[in-house]
C-alpha atoms as a PDB file:
ATOM      1  CA  MET A   1     -12.916  10.044 -12.180  1.00  0.00           C
ATOM      2  CA  GLU A   2     -13.103   9.995  -8.405  1.00  0.00           C
ATOM      3  CA  SER A   3     -11.344   7.331  -6.631  1.00  0.00           C
ATOM      4  CA  LYS A   4     -13.061   5.594  -3.600  1.00  0.00           C
ATOM      5  CA  ASN A   5      -9.802   4.166  -2.361  1.00  0.00           C
ATOM      6  CA  THR A   6      -8.783   4.782   1.244  1.00  0.00           C
ATOM      7  CA  VAL A   7      -5.079   5.797   1.415  1.00  0.00           C
ATOM      8  CA  LEU A   8      -3.099   3.875   3.909  1.00  0.00           C
ATOM      9  CA  CYS A   9       0.244   5.644   3.390  1.00  0.00           C
ATOM     10  CA  GLY A  10       2.387   7.237   0.782  1.00  0.00           C
ATOM     11  CA  ALA A  11       5.524   9.468   0.208  1.00  0.00           C
ATOM     12  CA  ASN A  12       6.065  12.545  -1.905  1.00  0.00           C
ATOM     13  CA  ALA A  13       9.547  13.041  -3.436  1.00  0.00           C
ATOM     14  CA  TYR A  14       8.799  16.808  -4.202  1.00  0.00           C
ATOM     15  CA  GLU A  15       8.222  17.786  -0.651  1.00  0.00           C
ATOM     16  CA  MET A  16      10.195  15.021   0.923  1.00  0.00           C
ATOM     17  CA  LYS A  17       7.334  13.772   3.135  1.00  0.00           C
ATOM     18  CA  TYR A  18       5.764  10.616   4.384  1.00  0.00           C
ATOM     19  CA  TYR A  19       2.096  10.221   5.327  1.00  0.00           C
ATOM     20  CA  PHE A  20       0.372   7.565   7.383  1.00  0.00           C
ATOM     21  CA  ASN A  21      -3.450   7.672   7.742  1.00  0.00           C
ATOM     22  CA  GLU A  22      -4.146   7.621  11.559  1.00  0.00           C
ATOM     23  CA  GLN A  23      -7.349   5.544  10.981  1.00  0.00           C
ATOM     24  CA  PHE A  24      -4.930   2.613  10.835  1.00  0.00           C
ATOM     25  CA  ASN A  25      -3.093   3.231  13.943  1.00  0.00           C
ATOM     26  CA  GLY A  26      -3.991  -0.363  15.082  1.00  0.00           C
ATOM     27  CA  ILE A  27      -1.539  -1.798  12.528  1.00  0.00           C
ATOM     28  CA  PRO A  28       1.541  -3.171  14.431  1.00  0.00           C
ATOM     29  CA  GLU A  29       4.560  -0.797  14.625  1.00  0.00           C
ATOM     30  CA  SER A  30       6.906  -3.140  12.695  1.00  0.00           C
ATOM     31  CA  ILE A  31       4.394  -2.999   9.888  1.00  0.00           C
ATOM     32  CA  LYS A  32       4.095   0.760   9.902  1.00  0.00           C
ATOM     33  CA  ASN A  33       7.926   0.867   9.894  1.00  0.00           C
ATOM     34  CA  GLU A  34       8.113  -1.459   6.822  1.00  0.00           C
ATOM     35  CA  LEU A  35       5.486   0.600   5.000  1.00  0.00           C
ATOM     36  CA  HIS A  36       7.391   3.822   5.789  1.00  0.00           C
ATOM     37  CA  VAL A  37      10.696   2.445   4.510  1.00  0.00           C
ATOM     38  CA  LEU A  38       8.913   0.957   1.345  1.00  0.00           C
ATOM     39  CA  CYS A  39       7.284   4.319   0.456  1.00  0.00           C
ATOM     40  CA  VAL A  40      10.230   6.468   1.166  1.00  0.00           C
ATOM     41  CA  LEU A  41      12.683   3.984  -0.925  1.00  0.00           C
ATOM     42  CA  PHE A  42      10.338   3.888  -3.811  1.00  0.00           C
ATOM     43  CA  THR A  43      10.123   7.752  -4.157  1.00  0.00           C
ATOM     44  CA  GLU A  44      13.887   8.070  -3.676  1.00  0.00           C
ATOM     45  CA  GLU A  45      14.384   5.498  -6.592  1.00  0.00           C
ATOM     46  CA  VAL A  46      11.685   6.639  -8.958  1.00  0.00           C
ATOM     47  CA  GLY A  47      10.537  10.048  -7.782  1.00  0.00           C
ATOM     48  CA  GLY A  48       7.165  11.525  -7.942  1.00  0.00           C
ATOM     49  CA  VAL A  49       4.440  10.580  -5.522  1.00  0.00           C
ATOM     50  CA  PHE A  50       3.672   6.860  -4.288  1.00  0.00           C
ATOM     51  CA  VAL A  51       0.647   5.836  -2.471  1.00  0.00           C
ATOM     52  CA  ILE A  52      -0.585   2.516  -0.880  1.00  0.00           C
ATOM     53  CA  ALA A  53      -4.313   2.414  -0.542  1.00  0.00           C
ATOM     54  CA  PHE A  54      -7.249   0.062   0.129  1.00  0.00           C
ATOM     55  CA  GLU A  55     -10.004  -0.396  -2.407  1.00  0.00           C
ATOM     56  CA  GLU A  56     -13.569  -0.633  -1.046  1.00  0.00           C
ATOM     57  CA  ASP A  57     -13.401  -4.423  -0.798  1.00  0.00           C
ATOM     58  CA  GLY A  58     -10.009  -4.271   0.982  1.00  0.00           C
ATOM     59  CA  ASN A  59      -7.614  -5.126  -1.972  1.00  0.00           C
ATOM     60  CA  VAL A  60      -4.375  -3.202  -1.583  1.00  0.00           C
ATOM     61  CA  VAL A  61      -3.520  -0.943  -4.651  1.00  0.00           C
ATOM     62  CA  LEU A  62      -0.200   0.637  -5.261  1.00  0.00           C
ATOM     63  CA  GLU A  63      -0.267   4.103  -7.237  1.00  0.00           C
ATOM     64  CA  THR A  64       2.317   6.346  -8.448  1.00  0.00           C
ATOM     65  CA  ASN A  65       2.291   9.588 -10.320  1.00  0.00           C
ATOM     66  CA  ALA A  66       4.432  12.587 -11.140  1.00  0.00           C
ATOM     67  CA  ASP A  67       4.038  16.273 -11.929  1.00  0.00           C
ATOM     68  CA  ASP A  68       3.690  16.794 -15.744  1.00  0.00           C
ATOM     69  CA  ASP A  69       6.934  18.890 -15.860  1.00  0.00           C
ATOM     70  CA  ASP A  70       9.011  16.231 -13.914  1.00  0.00           C
ATOM     71  CA  ILE A  71      11.584  15.123 -16.593  1.00  0.00           C
ATOM     72  CA  TYR A  72      13.364  12.828 -14.213  1.00  0.00           C
ATOM     73  CA  TYR A  73      10.218  10.633 -13.511  1.00  0.00           C
ATOM     74  CA  ASP A  74      10.112   7.399 -15.564  1.00  0.00           C
ATOM     75  CA  GLU A  75       6.764   5.904 -15.883  1.00  0.00           C
ATOM     76  CA  VAL A  76       8.298   2.628 -17.276  1.00  0.00           C
ATOM     77  CA  SER A  77      10.544   2.199 -14.324  1.00  0.00           C
ATOM     78  CA  SER A  78       7.795   3.091 -11.882  1.00  0.00           C
ATOM     79  CA  GLY A  79       5.504   0.444 -13.389  1.00  0.00           C
ATOM     80  CA  LEU A  80       8.323  -2.131 -13.215  1.00  0.00           C
ATOM     81  CA  MET A  81       9.224  -1.193  -9.726  1.00  0.00           C
ATOM     82  CA  ILE A  82       5.367  -1.599  -8.604  1.00  0.00           C
ATOM     83  CA  ALA A  83       5.487  -5.044 -10.095  1.00  0.00           C
ATOM     84  CA  GLN A  84       8.591  -6.055  -8.284  1.00  0.00           C
ATOM     85  CA  VAL A  85       7.191  -4.498  -5.065  1.00  0.00           C
ATOM     86  CA  ARG A  86       3.983  -6.491  -5.373  1.00  0.00           C
ATOM     87  CA  VAL A  87       5.887  -9.832  -5.932  1.00  0.00           C
ATOM     88  CA  HIS A  88       8.350  -9.323  -3.089  1.00  0.00           C
ATOM     89  CA  ARG A  89       5.787  -7.933  -0.564  1.00  0.00           C
ATOM     90  CA  ARG A  90       2.845 -10.165  -1.408  1.00  0.00           C
ATOM     91  CA  GLU A  91       2.626 -11.351   2.062  1.00  0.00           C
ATOM     92  CA  LEU A  92       2.604  -7.959   3.544  1.00  0.00           C
ATOM     93  CA  PHE A  93      -0.160  -6.869   1.195  1.00  0.00           C
ATOM     94  CA  GLU A  94      -2.304  -9.963   2.022  1.00  0.00           C
ATOM     95  CA  ALA A  95      -1.975  -9.381   5.670  1.00  0.00           C
ATOM     96  CA  LEU A  96      -3.069  -5.695   5.093  1.00  0.00           C
ATOM     97  CA  ARG A  97      -6.058  -6.831   3.157  1.00  0.00           C
ATOM     98  CA  LEU A  98      -6.955  -9.283   5.977  1.00  0.00           C
ATOM     99  CA  TYR A  99      -6.549  -6.535   8.424  1.00  0.00           C
ATOM    100  CA  TYR A 100      -8.816  -4.192   6.431  1.00  0.00           C
ATOM    101  CA  ARG A 101     -11.533  -6.815   5.963  1.00  0.00           C
ATOM    102  CA  VAL A 102     -11.659  -7.656   9.715  1.00  0.00           C
ATOM    103  CA  PHE A 103     -11.108  -4.468  11.363  1.00  0.00           C
ATOM    104  CA  VAL A 104     -12.618  -1.859   8.851  1.00  0.00           C
ATOM    105  CA  LEU A 105     -15.111  -3.828   7.037  1.00  0.00           C
ATOM    106  CA  LYS A 106     -16.028  -5.893  10.249  1.00  0.00           C
ATOM    107  CA  GLU A 107     -16.032  -9.195   8.248  1.00  0.00           C
ATOM    108  CA  ASP A 108     -16.095 -12.398  10.249  1.00  0.00           C
ATOM    109  CA  VAL A 109     -12.602 -13.791  10.277  1.00  0.00           C
ATOM    110  CA  THR A 110     -13.944 -17.266  10.302  1.00  0.00           C
ATOM    111  CA  GLN A 111     -15.749 -16.741   7.063  1.00  0.00           C
ATOM    112  CA  LEU A 112     -12.745 -15.426   5.288  1.00  0.00           C
ATOM    113  CA  PHE A 113     -11.068 -18.858   4.949  1.00  0.00           C
ATOM    114  CA  PRO A 114     -12.487 -22.207   3.866  1.00  0.00           C
ATOM    115  CA  GLN A 115     -13.032 -24.784   6.757  1.00  0.00           C
ATOM    116  CA  GLY A 116      -9.751 -25.883   8.120  1.00  0.00           C
ATOM    117  CA  GLU A 117      -7.661 -23.476   6.067  1.00  0.00           C
ATOM    118  CA  THR A 118      -5.554 -20.845   8.103  1.00  0.00           C
ATOM    119  CA  PRO A 119      -3.743 -17.695   6.806  1.00  0.00           C
ATOM    120  CA  GLU A 120      -0.271 -19.314   7.236  1.00  0.00           C
ATOM    121  CA  GLU A 121      -1.335 -22.155   4.724  1.00  0.00           C
END
């Protein structure tokens, strides 16, 4: 099964590396830093590989996996942590989704919100 997701960033506990996709250099530095910390802390806590990516429509997906022989990686804990991150970083992921739709998909920002509604509401 081939994924059509576009990776935004990720961290790898095995290689102790962080990756940020330069296609998204337009994202503000403060957001890039927040993503960096989020990815690294996730892999330090759970292990394995953690990736934040965009689906074709701009939805943000969080993915984690581990090597088959990694006895320290806990799938249950990683799933719970992803759920927790989704809840606590909801606004960040909504902002990233909006960024993707406007700057990558070139959607008209005025069409993304019902009349009179703004992103802050």
